[in-house]
Amino acid sequence: MKMKVGCMKWCVYTAAVALLGMLCSTAFAATPEQSGFSAVQGVNAQALSVEEMQAVSGQLNAYDIAAALTAEAPKLANYPKLQSLDLQLASWYQTNAVAINAAFQKLGILTPCQTCSK
């Protein structure tokens, strides 16, 4: 009986040491510099200017967004549910244009209204 208990303790101890060895060896297999990966290594990035941001962002005026959504609605005639959702979104932009444009202004990306003078 003592022999069985001793053998069992030895097996448990050996398994614990082996498990600890495996855990430590995988955790310290390589340094972060050796094992890390970055898709932007060597890239010098800089923030865009407001003008560049506006140029790549497109129309950032709620009135223009509402007008563009409304203009797209007839093209969705074959999809009445989608057309309805498009018009609802256009209406939302139109209704909330003042608040949306204030947020765009705060971010420095508000563009002049293209459709307001039409």
PDB file of N, CA and C in Angstrom:
ATOM      1  N   MET A   1       0.826  -1.189   0.000  1.00  0.00           N
ATOM      2  CA  MET A   1       0.000   0.000   0.000  1.00  0.00           C
ATOM      3  C   MET A   1       0.869   1.251   0.000  1.00  0.00           C
ATOM      4  N   LYS A   2       1.922   1.247   0.883  1.00  0.00           N
ATOM      5  CA  LYS A   2       2.833   2.382   0.927  1.00  0.00           C
ATOM      6  C   LYS A   2       3.522   2.573  -0.421  1.00  0.00           C
ATOM      7  N   MET A   3       3.815   1.487  -1.068  1.00  0.00           N
ATOM      8  CA  MET A   3       4.486   1.547  -2.360  1.00  0.00           C
ATOM      9  C   MET A   3       3.597   2.222  -3.403  1.00  0.00           C
ATOM     10  N   LYS A   4       2.282   1.905  -3.364  1.00  0.00           N
ATOM     11  CA  LYS A   4       1.343   2.509  -4.309  1.00  0.00           C
ATOM     12  C   LYS A   4       1.236   4.011  -4.080  1.00  0.00           C
ATOM     13  N   VAL A   5       1.139   4.423  -2.812  1.00  0.00           N
ATOM     14  CA  VAL A   5       1.022   5.839  -2.474  1.00  0.00           C
ATOM     15  C   VAL A   5       2.289   6.571  -2.897  1.00  0.00           C
ATOM     16  N   GLY A   6       3.430   5.990  -2.630  1.00  0.00           N
ATOM     17  CA  GLY A   6       4.698   6.605  -3.021  1.00  0.00           C
ATOM     18  C   GLY A   6       4.809   6.736  -4.531  1.00  0.00           C
ATOM     19  N   CYS A   7       4.411   5.710  -5.234  1.00  0.00           N
ATOM     20  CA  CYS A   7       4.449   5.726  -6.703  1.00  0.00           C
ATOM     21  C   CYS A   7       3.482   6.769  -7.253  1.00  0.00           C
ATOM     22  N   MET A   8       2.319   6.864  -6.623  1.00  0.00           N
ATOM     23  CA  MET A   8       1.311   7.841  -7.056  1.00  0.00           C
ATOM     24  C   MET A   8       1.810   9.275  -6.825  1.00  0.00           C
ATOM     25  N   LYS A   9       2.432   9.523  -5.659  1.00  0.00           N
ATOM     26  CA  LYS A   9       2.978  10.845  -5.368  1.00  0.00           C
ATOM     27  C   LYS A   9       4.071  11.203  -6.376  1.00  0.00           C
ATOM     28  N   TRP A  10       4.913  10.193  -6.676  1.00  0.00           N
ATOM     29  CA  TRP A  10       5.987  10.438  -7.625  1.00  0.00           C
ATOM     30  C   TRP A  10       5.426  10.785  -9.003  1.00  0.00           C
ATOM     31  N   CYS A  11       4.376  10.092  -9.445  1.00  0.00           N
ATOM     32  CA  CYS A  11       3.752  10.359 -10.753  1.00  0.00           C
ATOM     33  C   CYS A  11       3.135  11.748 -10.790  1.00  0.00           C
ATOM     34  N   VAL A  12       2.447  12.114  -9.715  1.00  0.00           N
ATOM     35  CA  VAL A  12       1.828  13.436  -9.646  1.00  0.00           C
ATOM     36  C   VAL A  12       2.908  14.504  -9.660  1.00  0.00           C
ATOM     37  N   TYR A  13       3.967  14.310  -8.879  1.00  0.00           N
ATOM     38  CA  TYR A  13       5.065  15.271  -8.822  1.00  0.00           C
ATOM     39  C   TYR A  13       5.730  15.403 -10.192  1.00  0.00           C
ATOM     40  N   THR A  14       5.995  14.294 -10.848  1.00  0.00           N
ATOM     41  CA  THR A  14       6.629  14.292 -12.165  1.00  0.00           C
ATOM     42  C   THR A  14       5.739  15.001 -13.191  1.00  0.00           C
ATOM     43  N   ALA A  15       4.452  14.733 -13.145  1.00  0.00           N
ATOM     44  CA  ALA A  15       3.519  15.375 -14.074  1.00  0.00           C
ATOM     45  C   ALA A  15       3.465  16.887 -13.829  1.00  0.00           C
ATOM     46  N   ALA A  16       3.493  17.288 -12.555  1.00  0.00           N
ATOM     47  CA  ALA A  16       3.467  18.713 -12.225  1.00  0.00           C
ATOM     48  C   ALA A  16       4.730  19.408 -12.717  1.00  0.00           C
ATOM     49  N   VAL A  17       5.868  18.772 -12.532  1.00  0.00           N
ATOM     50  CA  VAL A  17       7.132  19.352 -12.999  1.00  0.00           C
ATOM     51  C   VAL A  17       7.137  19.433 -14.525  1.00  0.00           C
ATOM     52  N   ALA A  18       6.664  18.409 -15.188  1.00  0.00           N
ATOM     53  CA  ALA A  18       6.617  18.407 -16.652  1.00  0.00           C
ATOM     54  C   ALA A  18       5.683  19.502 -17.166  1.00  0.00           C
ATOM     55  N   LEU A  19       4.532  19.642 -16.528  1.00  0.00           N
ATOM     56  CA  LEU A  19       3.574  20.683 -16.923  1.00  0.00           C
ATOM     57  C   LEU A  19       4.174  22.066 -16.712  1.00  0.00           C
ATOM     58  N   LEU A  20       4.807  22.260 -15.571  1.00  0.00           N
ATOM     59  CA  LEU A  20       5.448  23.538 -15.281  1.00  0.00           C
ATOM     60  C   LEU A  20       6.550  23.824 -16.297  1.00  0.00           C
ATOM     61  N   GLY A  21       7.306  22.812 -16.641  1.00  0.00           N
ATOM     62  CA  GLY A  21       8.365  22.965 -17.644  1.00  0.00           C
ATOM     63  C   GLY A  21       7.809  23.352 -19.002  1.00  0.00           C
ATOM     64  N   MET A  22       6.707  22.728 -19.390  1.00  0.00           N
ATOM     65  CA  MET A  22       6.093  23.065 -20.682  1.00  0.00           C
ATOM     66  C   MET A  22       5.556  24.483 -20.682  1.00  0.00           C
ATOM     67  N   LEU A  23       4.898  24.865 -19.608  1.00  0.00           N
ATOM     68  CA  LEU A  23       4.340  26.213 -19.529  1.00  0.00           C
ATOM     69  C   LEU A  23       5.439  27.271 -19.576  1.00  0.00           C
ATOM     70  N   CYS A  24       6.501  27.042 -18.843  1.00  0.00           N
ATOM     71  CA  CYS A  24       7.590  28.022 -18.818  1.00  0.00           C
ATOM     72  C   CYS A  24       8.338  28.065 -20.139  1.00  0.00           C
ATOM     73  N   SER A  25       8.509  26.936 -20.766  1.00  0.00           N
ATOM     74  CA  SER A  25       9.264  26.921 -22.014  1.00  0.00           C
ATOM     75  C   SER A  25       8.499  27.616 -23.129  1.00  0.00           C
ATOM     76  N   THR A  26       7.202  27.479 -23.194  1.00  0.00           N
ATOM     77  CA  THR A  26       6.450  28.158 -24.255  1.00  0.00           C
ATOM     78  C   THR A  26       6.318  29.640 -23.962  1.00  0.00           C
ATOM     79  N   ALA A  27       6.273  29.998 -22.686  1.00  0.00           N
ATOM     80  CA  ALA A  27       6.116  31.403 -22.338  1.00  0.00           C
ATOM     81  C   ALA A  27       7.376  32.200 -22.624  1.00  0.00           C
ATOM     82  N   PHE A  28       8.510  31.559 -22.557  1.00  0.00           N
ATOM     83  CA  PHE A  28       9.772  32.257 -22.765  1.00  0.00           C
ATOM     84  C   PHE A  28      10.508  31.756 -23.996  1.00  0.00           C
ATOM     85  N   ALA A  29       9.791  31.287 -24.980  1.00  0.00           N
ATOM     86  CA  ALA A  29      10.427  30.726 -26.168  1.00  0.00           C
ATOM     87  C   ALA A  29      11.160  31.778 -26.978  1.00  0.00           C
ATOM     88  N   ALA A  30      10.600  32.988 -27.051  1.00  0.00           N
ATOM     89  CA  ALA A  30      11.235  34.042 -27.843  1.00  0.00           C
ATOM     90  C   ALA A  30      10.928  35.388 -27.204  1.00  0.00           C
ATOM     91  N   THR A  31      11.802  36.323 -27.454  1.00  0.00           N
ATOM     92  CA  THR A  31      11.556  37.664 -26.941  1.00  0.00           C
ATOM     93  C   THR A  31      10.472  38.322 -27.782  1.00  0.00           C
ATOM     94  N   PRO A  32       9.800  39.354 -27.280  1.00  0.00           N
ATOM     95  CA  PRO A  32       8.760  40.028 -28.057  1.00  0.00           C
ATOM     96  C   PRO A  32       9.286  40.597 -29.376  1.00  0.00           C
ATOM     97  N   GLU A  33      10.548  41.036 -29.378  1.00  0.00           N
ATOM     98  CA  GLU A  33      11.119  41.585 -30.617  1.00  0.00           C
ATOM     99  C   GLU A  33      11.271  40.514 -31.686  1.00  0.00           C
ATOM    100  N   GLN A  34      11.586  39.298 -31.244  1.00  0.00           N
ATOM    101  CA  GLN A  34      11.790  38.214 -32.185  1.00  0.00           C
ATOM    102  C   GLN A  34      10.477  37.627 -32.684  1.00  0.00           C
ATOM    103  N   SER A  35       9.468  37.588 -31.830  1.00  0.00           N
ATOM    104  CA  SER A  35       8.233  36.916 -32.196  1.00  0.00           C
ATOM    105  C   SER A  35       7.128  37.866 -32.624  1.00  0.00           C
ATOM    106  N   GLY A  36       7.285  39.157 -32.404  1.00  0.00           N
ATOM    107  CA  GLY A  36       6.228  40.112 -32.734  1.00  0.00           C
ATOM    108  C   GLY A  36       6.119  40.360 -34.225  1.00  0.00           C
ATOM    109  N   PHE A  37       4.953  40.813 -34.642  1.00  0.00           N
ATOM    110  CA  PHE A  37       4.720  41.158 -36.041  1.00  0.00           C
ATOM    111  C   PHE A  37       3.890  42.421 -36.102  1.00  0.00           C
ATOM    112  N   SER A  38       4.258  43.302 -36.976  1.00  0.00           N
ATOM    113  CA  SER A  38       3.483  44.524 -37.172  1.00  0.00           C
ATOM    114  C   SER A  38       3.401  44.813 -38.661  1.00  0.00           C
ATOM    115  N   ALA A  39       2.202  45.069 -39.130  1.00  0.00           N
ATOM    116  CA  ALA A  39       2.011  45.367 -40.550  1.00  0.00           C
ATOM    117  C   ALA A  39       2.505  46.756 -40.906  1.00  0.00           C
ATOM    118  N   VAL A  40       2.736  47.582 -39.907  1.00  0.00           N
ATOM    119  CA  VAL A  40       3.147  48.953 -40.184  1.00  0.00           C
ATOM    120  C   VAL A  40       4.595  49.222 -39.781  1.00  0.00           C
ATOM    121  N   GLN A  41       5.386  48.186 -39.664  1.00  0.00           N
ATOM    122  CA  GLN A  41       6.791  48.393 -39.334  1.00  0.00           C
ATOM    123  C   GLN A  41       7.454  49.187 -40.454  1.00  0.00           C
ATOM    124  N   GLY A  42       8.175  50.205 -40.083  1.00  0.00           N
ATOM    125  CA  GLY A  42       8.895  51.002 -41.061  1.00  0.00           C
ATOM    126  C   GLY A  42       8.052  52.039 -41.768  1.00  0.00           C
ATOM    127  N   VAL A  43       6.812  52.232 -41.354  1.00  0.00           N
ATOM    128  CA  VAL A  43       5.941  53.216 -41.991  1.00  0.00           C
ATOM    129  C   VAL A  43       5.950  54.495 -41.159  1.00  0.00           C
ATOM    130  N   ASN A  44       6.232  55.597 -41.801  1.00  0.00           N
ATOM    131  CA  ASN A  44       6.182  56.895 -41.117  1.00  0.00           C
ATOM    132  C   ASN A  44       4.832  57.521 -41.399  1.00  0.00           C
ATOM    133  N   ALA A  45       3.955  57.508 -40.418  1.00  0.00           N
ATOM    134  CA  ALA A  45       2.599  58.029 -40.583  1.00  0.00           C
ATOM    135  C   ALA A  45       2.495  59.406 -39.950  1.00  0.00           C
ATOM    136  N   GLN A  46       1.633  60.220 -40.527  1.00  0.00           N
ATOM    137  CA  GLN A  46       1.368  61.538 -39.956  1.00  0.00           C
ATOM    138  C   GLN A  46      -0.109  61.846 -40.119  1.00  0.00           C
ATOM    139  N   ALA A  47      -0.599  62.711 -39.277  1.00  0.00           N
ATOM    140  CA  ALA A  47      -2.017  63.071 -39.316  1.00  0.00           C
ATOM    141  C   ALA A  47      -2.314  63.886 -40.572  1.00  0.00           C
ATOM    142  N   LEU A  48      -3.538  63.720 -41.081  1.00  0.00           N
ATOM    143  CA  LEU A  48      -3.958  64.499 -42.244  1.00  0.00           C
ATOM    144  C   LEU A  48      -4.356  65.913 -41.811  1.00  0.00           C
ATOM    145  N   SER A  49      -4.135  66.858 -42.709  1.00  0.00           N
ATOM    146  CA  SER A  49      -4.600  68.219 -42.434  1.00  0.00           C
ATOM    147  C   SER A  49      -6.112  68.250 -42.624  1.00  0.00           C
ATOM    148  N   VAL A  50      -6.749  69.312 -42.189  1.00  0.00           N
ATOM    149  CA  VAL A  50      -8.204  69.445 -42.328  1.00  0.00           C
ATOM    150  C   VAL A  50      -8.591  69.388 -43.800  1.00  0.00           C
ATOM    151  N   GLU A  51      -7.820  70.055 -44.651  1.00  0.00           N
ATOM    152  CA  GLU A  51      -8.123  70.056 -46.089  1.00  0.00           C
ATOM    153  C   GLU A  51      -8.017  68.647 -46.672  1.00  0.00           C
ATOM    154  N   GLU A  52      -6.966  67.924 -46.275  1.00  0.00           N
ATOM    155  CA  GLU A  52      -6.807  66.554 -46.759  1.00  0.00           C
ATOM    156  C   GLU A  52      -7.936  65.669 -46.245  1.00  0.00           C
ATOM    157  N   MET A  53      -8.317  65.879 -45.006  1.00  0.00           N
ATOM    158  CA  MET A  53      -9.400  65.098 -44.405  1.00  0.00           C
ATOM    159  C   MET A  53     -10.694  65.334 -45.174  1.00  0.00           C
ATOM    160  N   GLN A  54     -10.969  66.574 -45.508  1.00  0.00           N
ATOM    161  CA  GLN A  54     -12.181  66.895 -46.247  1.00  0.00           C
ATOM    162  C   GLN A  54     -12.121  66.309 -47.655  1.00  0.00           C
ATOM    163  N   ALA A  55     -10.946  66.341 -48.264  1.00  0.00           N
ATOM    164  CA  ALA A  55     -10.803  65.832 -49.622  1.00  0.00           C
ATOM    165  C   ALA A  55     -11.060  64.328 -49.702  1.00  0.00           C
ATOM    166  N   VAL A  56     -10.627  63.586 -48.705  1.00  0.00           N
ATOM    167  CA  VAL A  56     -10.812  62.137 -48.747  1.00  0.00           C
ATOM    168  C   VAL A  56     -12.100  61.693 -48.085  1.00  0.00           C
ATOM    169  N   SER A  57     -12.730  62.561 -47.315  1.00  0.00           N
ATOM    170  CA  SER A  57     -13.946  62.191 -46.602  1.00  0.00           C
ATOM    171  C   SER A  57     -15.193  62.378 -47.439  1.00  0.00           C
ATOM    172  N   GLY A  58     -15.138  63.191 -48.456  1.00  0.00           N
ATOM    173  CA  GLY A  58     -16.319  63.449 -49.267  1.00  0.00           C
ATOM    174  C   GLY A  58     -17.181  64.518 -48.651  1.00  0.00           C
ATOM    175  N   GLN A  59     -18.468  64.414 -48.862  1.00  0.00           N
ATOM    176  CA  GLN A  59     -19.401  65.423 -48.368  1.00  0.00           C
ATOM    177  C   GLN A  59     -19.656  65.212 -46.889  1.00  0.00           C
ATOM    178  N   LEU A  60     -19.223  66.169 -46.101  1.00  0.00           N
ATOM    179  CA  LEU A  60     -19.487  66.087 -44.676  1.00  0.00           C
ATOM    180  C   LEU A  60     -20.309  67.289 -44.258  1.00  0.00           C
ATOM    181  N   ASN A  61     -21.469  67.336 -44.824  1.00  0.00           N
ATOM    182  CA  ASN A  61     -22.463  68.335 -44.472  1.00  0.00           C
ATOM    183  C   ASN A  61     -23.788  67.584 -44.470  1.00  0.00           C
ATOM    184  N   ALA A  62     -24.505  67.636 -43.390  1.00  0.00           N
ATOM    185  CA  ALA A  62     -25.717  66.826 -43.235  1.00  0.00           C
ATOM    186  C   ALA A  62     -26.748  67.102 -44.321  1.00  0.00           C
ATOM    187  N   TYR A  63     -26.836  68.341 -44.771  1.00  0.00           N
ATOM    188  CA  TYR A  63     -27.797  68.667 -45.833  1.00  0.00           C
ATOM    189  C   TYR A  63     -27.412  67.965 -47.136  1.00  0.00           C
ATOM    190  N   ASP A  64     -26.117  67.915 -47.435  1.00  0.00           N
ATOM    191  CA  ASP A  64     -25.655  67.237 -48.645  1.00  0.00           C
ATOM    192  C   ASP A  64     -25.857  65.723 -48.545  1.00  0.00           C
ATOM    193  N   ILE A  65     -25.627  65.174 -47.353  1.00  0.00           N
ATOM    194  CA  ILE A  65     -25.833  63.733 -47.153  1.00  0.00           C
ATOM    195  C   ILE A  65     -27.309  63.395 -47.350  1.00  0.00           C
ATOM    196  N   ALA A  66     -28.196  64.211 -46.796  1.00  0.00           N
ATOM    197  CA  ALA A  66     -29.643  63.994 -46.959  1.00  0.00           C
ATOM    198  C   ALA A  66     -30.033  64.085 -48.429  1.00  0.00           C
ATOM    199  N   ALA A  67     -29.477  65.054 -49.134  1.00  0.00           N
ATOM    200  CA  ALA A  67     -29.787  65.214 -50.563  1.00  0.00           C
ATOM    201  C   ALA A  67     -29.286  64.019 -51.368  1.00  0.00           C
ATOM    202  N   ALA A  68     -28.093  63.534 -51.050  1.00  0.00           N
ATOM    203  CA  ALA A  68     -27.541  62.386 -51.772  1.00  0.00           C
ATOM    204  C   ALA A  68     -28.376  61.129 -51.520  1.00  0.00           C
ATOM    205  N   LEU A  69     -28.812  60.933 -50.290  1.00  0.00           N
ATOM    206  CA  LEU A  69     -29.651  59.770 -49.980  1.00  0.00           C
ATOM    207  C   LEU A  69     -30.995  59.864 -50.696  1.00  0.00           C
ATOM    208  N   THR A  70     -31.563  61.046 -50.737  1.00  0.00           N
ATOM    209  CA  THR A  70     -32.842  61.246 -51.426  1.00  0.00           C
ATOM    210  C   THR A  70     -32.676  61.002 -52.923  1.00  0.00           C
ATOM    211  N   ALA A  71     -31.559  61.442 -53.480  1.00  0.00           N
ATOM    212  CA  ALA A  71     -31.302  61.245 -54.910  1.00  0.00           C
ATOM    213  C   ALA A  71     -31.123  59.770 -55.262  1.00  0.00           C
ATOM    214  N   GLU A  72     -30.635  58.981 -54.327  1.00  0.00           N
ATOM    215  CA  GLU A  72     -30.430  57.555 -54.571  1.00  0.00           C
ATOM    216  C   GLU A  72     -31.729  56.757 -54.469  1.00  0.00           C
ATOM    217  N   ALA A  73     -32.719  57.274 -53.793  1.00  0.00           N
ATOM    218  CA  ALA A  73     -33.961  56.534 -53.551  1.00  0.00           C
ATOM    219  C   ALA A  73     -34.639  56.017 -54.825  1.00  0.00           C
ATOM    220  N   PRO A  74     -34.756  56.817 -55.893  1.00  0.00           N
ATOM    221  CA  PRO A  74     -35.410  56.282 -57.096  1.00  0.00           C
ATOM    222  C   PRO A  74     -34.694  55.066 -57.687  1.00  0.00           C
ATOM    223  N   LYS A  75     -33.400  54.960 -57.485  1.00  0.00           N
ATOM    224  CA  LYS A  75     -32.642  53.818 -58.006  1.00  0.00           C
ATOM    225  C   LYS A  75     -32.969  52.536 -57.253  1.00  0.00           C
ATOM    226  N   LEU A  76     -33.619  52.684 -56.108  1.00  0.00           N
ATOM    227  CA  LEU A  76     -33.957  51.528 -55.286  1.00  0.00           C
ATOM    228  C   LEU A  76     -35.423  51.115 -55.445  1.00  0.00           C
ATOM    229  N   ALA A  77     -36.035  51.506 -56.540  1.00  0.00           N
ATOM    230  CA  ALA A  77     -37.465  51.229 -56.757  1.00  0.00           C
ATOM    231  C   ALA A  77     -37.774  49.733 -56.725  1.00  0.00           C
ATOM    232  N   ASN A  78     -36.847  48.901 -57.144  1.00  0.00           N
ATOM    233  CA  ASN A  78     -37.067  47.446 -57.139  1.00  0.00           C
ATOM    234  C   ASN A  78     -36.948  46.856 -55.735  1.00  0.00           C
ATOM    235  N   TYR A  79     -36.520  47.664 -54.798  1.00  0.00           N
ATOM    236  CA  TYR A  79     -36.336  47.211 -53.413  1.00  0.00           C
ATOM    237  C   TYR A  79     -37.077  48.170 -52.482  1.00  0.00           C
ATOM    238  N   PRO A  80     -38.411  48.048 -52.413  1.00  0.00           N
ATOM    239  CA  PRO A  80     -39.215  49.019 -51.670  1.00  0.00           C
ATOM    240  C   PRO A  80     -38.821  49.178 -50.201  1.00  0.00           C
ATOM    241  N   LYS A  81     -38.456  48.098 -49.548  1.00  0.00           N
ATOM    242  CA  LYS A  81     -38.077  48.203 -48.137  1.00  0.00           C
ATOM    243  C   LYS A  81     -36.772  48.999 -48.000  1.00  0.00           C
ATOM    244  N   LEU A  82     -35.811  48.704 -48.839  1.00  0.00           N
ATOM    245  CA  LEU A  82     -34.538  49.426 -48.822  1.00  0.00           C
ATOM    246  C   LEU A  82     -34.744  50.895 -49.206  1.00  0.00           C
ATOM    247  N   GLN A  83     -35.606  51.139 -50.177  1.00  0.00           N
ATOM    248  CA  GLN A  83     -35.911  52.507 -50.586  1.00  0.00           C
ATOM    249  C   GLN A  83     -36.536  53.283 -49.423  1.00  0.00           C
ATOM    250  N   SER A  84     -37.437  52.640 -48.715  1.00  0.00           N
ATOM    251  CA  SER A  84     -38.072  53.273 -47.566  1.00  0.00           C
ATOM    252  C   SER A  84     -37.046  53.604 -46.476  1.00  0.00           C
ATOM    253  N   LEU A  85     -36.147  52.673 -46.203  1.00  0.00           N
ATOM    254  CA  LEU A  85     -35.104  52.903 -45.206  1.00  0.00           C
ATOM    255  C   LEU A  85     -34.155  54.017 -45.635  1.00  0.00           C
ATOM    256  N   ASP A  86     -33.848  54.063 -46.923  1.00  0.00           N
ATOM    257  CA  ASP A  86     -32.998  55.123 -47.461  1.00  0.00           C
ATOM    258  C   ASP A  86     -33.642  56.490 -47.239  1.00  0.00           C
ATOM    259  N   LEU A  87     -34.929  56.576 -47.528  1.00  0.00           N
ATOM    260  CA  LEU A  87     -35.643  57.849 -47.349  1.00  0.00           C
ATOM    261  C   LEU A  87     -35.784  58.216 -45.871  1.00  0.00           C
ATOM    262  N   GLN A  88     -35.948  57.196 -45.018  1.00  0.00           N
ATOM    263  CA  GLN A  88     -35.992  57.471 -43.569  1.00  0.00           C
ATOM    264  C   GLN A  88     -34.661  58.031 -43.079  1.00  0.00           C
ATOM    265  N   LEU A  89     -33.581  57.473 -43.573  1.00  0.00           N
ATOM    266  CA  LEU A  89     -32.252  57.954 -43.182  1.00  0.00           C
ATOM    267  C   LEU A  89     -32.024  59.371 -43.701  1.00  0.00           C
ATOM    268  N   ALA A  90     -32.453  59.636 -44.922  1.00  0.00           N
ATOM    269  CA  ALA A  90     -32.344  60.984 -45.479  1.00  0.00           C
ATOM    270  C   ALA A  90     -33.136  61.975 -44.630  1.00  0.00           C
ATOM    271  N   SER A  91     -34.321  61.575 -44.227  1.00  0.00           N
ATOM    272  CA  SER A  91     -35.158  62.425 -43.381  1.00  0.00           C
ATOM    273  C   SER A  91     -34.494  62.678 -42.037  1.00  0.00           C
ATOM    274  N   TRP A  92     -33.863  61.655 -41.485  1.00  0.00           N
ATOM    275  CA  TRP A  92     -33.178  61.809 -40.206  1.00  0.00           C
ATOM    276  C   TRP A  92     -32.040  62.817 -40.324  1.00  0.00           C
ATOM    277  N   TYR A  93     -31.250  62.693 -41.388  1.00  0.00           N
ATOM    278  CA  TYR A  93     -30.159  63.652 -41.599  1.00  0.00           C
ATOM    279  C   TYR A  93     -30.700  65.066 -41.755  1.00  0.00           C
ATOM    280  N   GLN A  94     -31.784  65.214 -42.507  1.00  0.00           N
ATOM    281  CA  GLN A  94     -32.371  66.538 -42.729  1.00  0.00           C
ATOM    282  C   GLN A  94     -32.883  67.124 -41.406  1.00  0.00           C
ATOM    283  N   THR A  95     -33.569  66.291 -40.638  1.00  0.00           N
ATOM    284  CA  THR A  95     -34.137  66.745 -39.364  1.00  0.00           C
ATOM    285  C   THR A  95     -33.056  67.135 -38.361  1.00  0.00           C
ATOM    286  N   ASN A  96     -31.973  66.380 -38.339  1.00  0.00           N
ATOM    287  CA  ASN A  96     -30.910  66.598 -37.353  1.00  0.00           C
ATOM    288  C   ASN A  96     -29.694  67.314 -37.923  1.00  0.00           C
ATOM    289  N   ALA A  97     -29.856  67.967 -39.051  1.00  0.00           N
ATOM    290  CA  ALA A  97     -28.727  68.570 -39.758  1.00  0.00           C
ATOM    291  C   ALA A  97     -27.965  69.584 -38.910  1.00  0.00           C
ATOM    292  N   VAL A  98     -28.659  70.401 -38.158  1.00  0.00           N
ATOM    293  CA  VAL A  98     -27.988  71.428 -37.358  1.00  0.00           C
ATOM    294  C   VAL A  98     -27.052  70.778 -36.337  1.00  0.00           C
ATOM    295  N   ALA A  99     -27.543  69.765 -35.628  1.00  0.00           N
ATOM    296  CA  ALA A  99     -26.731  69.082 -34.619  1.00  0.00           C
ATOM    297  C   ALA A  99     -25.581  68.306 -35.263  1.00  0.00           C
ATOM    298  N   ILE A 100     -25.862  67.645 -36.367  1.00  0.00           N
ATOM    299  CA  ILE A 100     -24.826  66.868 -37.056  1.00  0.00           C
ATOM    300  C   ILE A 100     -23.738  67.797 -37.575  1.00  0.00           C
ATOM    301  N   ASN A 101     -24.138  68.888 -38.201  1.00  0.00           N
ATOM    302  CA  ASN A 101     -23.153  69.829 -38.722  1.00  0.00           C
ATOM    303  C   ASN A 101     -22.344  70.474 -37.597  1.00  0.00           C
ATOM    304  N   ALA A 102     -22.957  70.664 -36.444  1.00  0.00           N
ATOM    305  CA  ALA A 102     -22.212  71.200 -35.290  1.00  0.00           C
ATOM    306  C   ALA A 102     -21.128  70.206 -34.879  1.00  0.00           C
ATOM    307  N   ALA A 103     -21.447  68.922 -34.901  1.00  0.00           N
ATOM    308  CA  ALA A 103     -20.446  67.904 -34.569  1.00  0.00           C
ATOM    309  C   ALA A 103     -19.343  67.881 -35.620  1.00  0.00           C
ATOM    310  N   PHE A 104     -19.711  67.957 -36.902  1.00  0.00           N
ATOM    311  CA  PHE A 104     -18.707  68.009 -37.969  1.00  0.00           C
ATOM    312  C   PHE A 104     -17.810  69.234 -37.796  1.00  0.00           C
ATOM    313  N   GLN A 105     -18.419  70.358 -37.419  1.00  0.00           N
ATOM    314  CA  GLN A 105     -17.664  71.596 -37.212  1.00  0.00           C
ATOM    315  C   GLN A 105     -16.667  71.425 -36.071  1.00  0.00           C
ATOM    316  N   LYS A 106     -17.113  70.805 -34.977  1.00  0.00           N
ATOM    317  CA  LYS A 106     -16.237  70.562 -33.824  1.00  0.00           C
ATOM    318  C   LYS A 106     -15.036  69.716 -34.216  1.00  0.00           C
ATOM    319  N   LEU A 107     -15.269  68.740 -35.072  1.00  0.00           N
ATOM    320  CA  LEU A 107     -14.199  67.855 -35.519  1.00  0.00           C
ATOM    321  C   LEU A 107     -13.326  68.498 -36.586  1.00  0.00           C
ATOM    322  N   GLY A 108     -13.774  69.640 -37.095  1.00  0.00           N
ATOM    323  CA  GLY A 108     -13.010  70.336 -38.126  1.00  0.00           C
ATOM    324  C   GLY A 108     -13.143  69.722 -39.504  1.00  0.00           C
ATOM    325  N   ILE A 109     -14.232  69.004 -39.752  1.00  0.00           N
ATOM    326  CA  ILE A 109     -14.405  68.327 -41.039  1.00  0.00           C
ATOM    327  C   ILE A 109     -15.687  68.742 -41.761  1.00  0.00           C
ATOM    328  N   LEU A 110     -16.318  69.810 -41.318  1.00  0.00           N
ATOM    329  CA  LEU A 110     -17.538  70.271 -41.973  1.00  0.00           C
ATOM    330  C   LEU A 110     -17.183  70.894 -43.316  1.00  0.00           C
ATOM    331  N   THR A 111     -17.841  70.445 -44.357  1.00  0.00           N
ATOM    332  CA  THR A 111     -17.637  71.031 -45.687  1.00  0.00           C
ATOM    333  C   THR A 111     -18.784  71.975 -45.984  1.00  0.00           C
ATOM    334  N   PRO A 112     -18.547  72.978 -46.833  1.00  0.00           N
ATOM    335  CA  PRO A 112     -19.626  73.890 -47.187  1.00  0.00           C
ATOM    336  C   PRO A 112     -20.762  73.127 -47.870  1.00  0.00           C
ATOM    337  N   CYS A 113     -21.961  73.563 -47.624  1.00  0.00           N
ATOM    338  CA  CYS A 113     -23.143  72.921 -48.185  1.00  0.00           C
ATOM    339  C   CYS A 113     -23.173  73.132 -49.700  1.00  0.00           C
ATOM    340  N   GLN A 114     -23.224  72.042 -50.449  1.00  0.00           N
ATOM    341  CA  GLN A 114     -23.259  72.108 -51.911  1.00  0.00           C
ATOM    342  C   GLN A 114     -24.682  72.221 -52.437  1.00  0.00           C
ATOM    343  N   THR A 115     -25.663  71.707 -51.691  1.00  0.00           N
ATOM    344  CA  THR A 115     -27.037  71.664 -52.164  1.00  0.00           C
ATOM    345  C   THR A 115     -27.906  72.777 -51.580  1.00  0.00           C
ATOM    346  N   CYS A 116     -27.378  73.538 -50.643  1.00  0.00           N
ATOM    347  CA  CYS A 116     -28.180  74.550 -49.979  1.00  0.00           C
ATOM    348  C   CYS A 116     -28.580  75.692 -50.917  1.00  0.00           C
ATOM    349  N   SER A 117     -27.759  76.029 -51.886  1.00  0.00           N
ATOM    350  CA  SER A 117     -28.054  77.154 -52.767  1.00  0.00           C
ATOM    351  C   SER A 117     -28.917  76.750 -53.948  1.00  0.00           C
ATOM    352  N   LYS A 118     -29.151  75.455 -54.098  1.00  0.00           N
ATOM    353  CA  LYS A 118     -29.944  74.977 -55.244  1.00  0.00           C
ATOM    354  C   LYS A 118     -31.424  75.033 -54.950  1.00  0.00           C
TER     355      LYS A 118
END
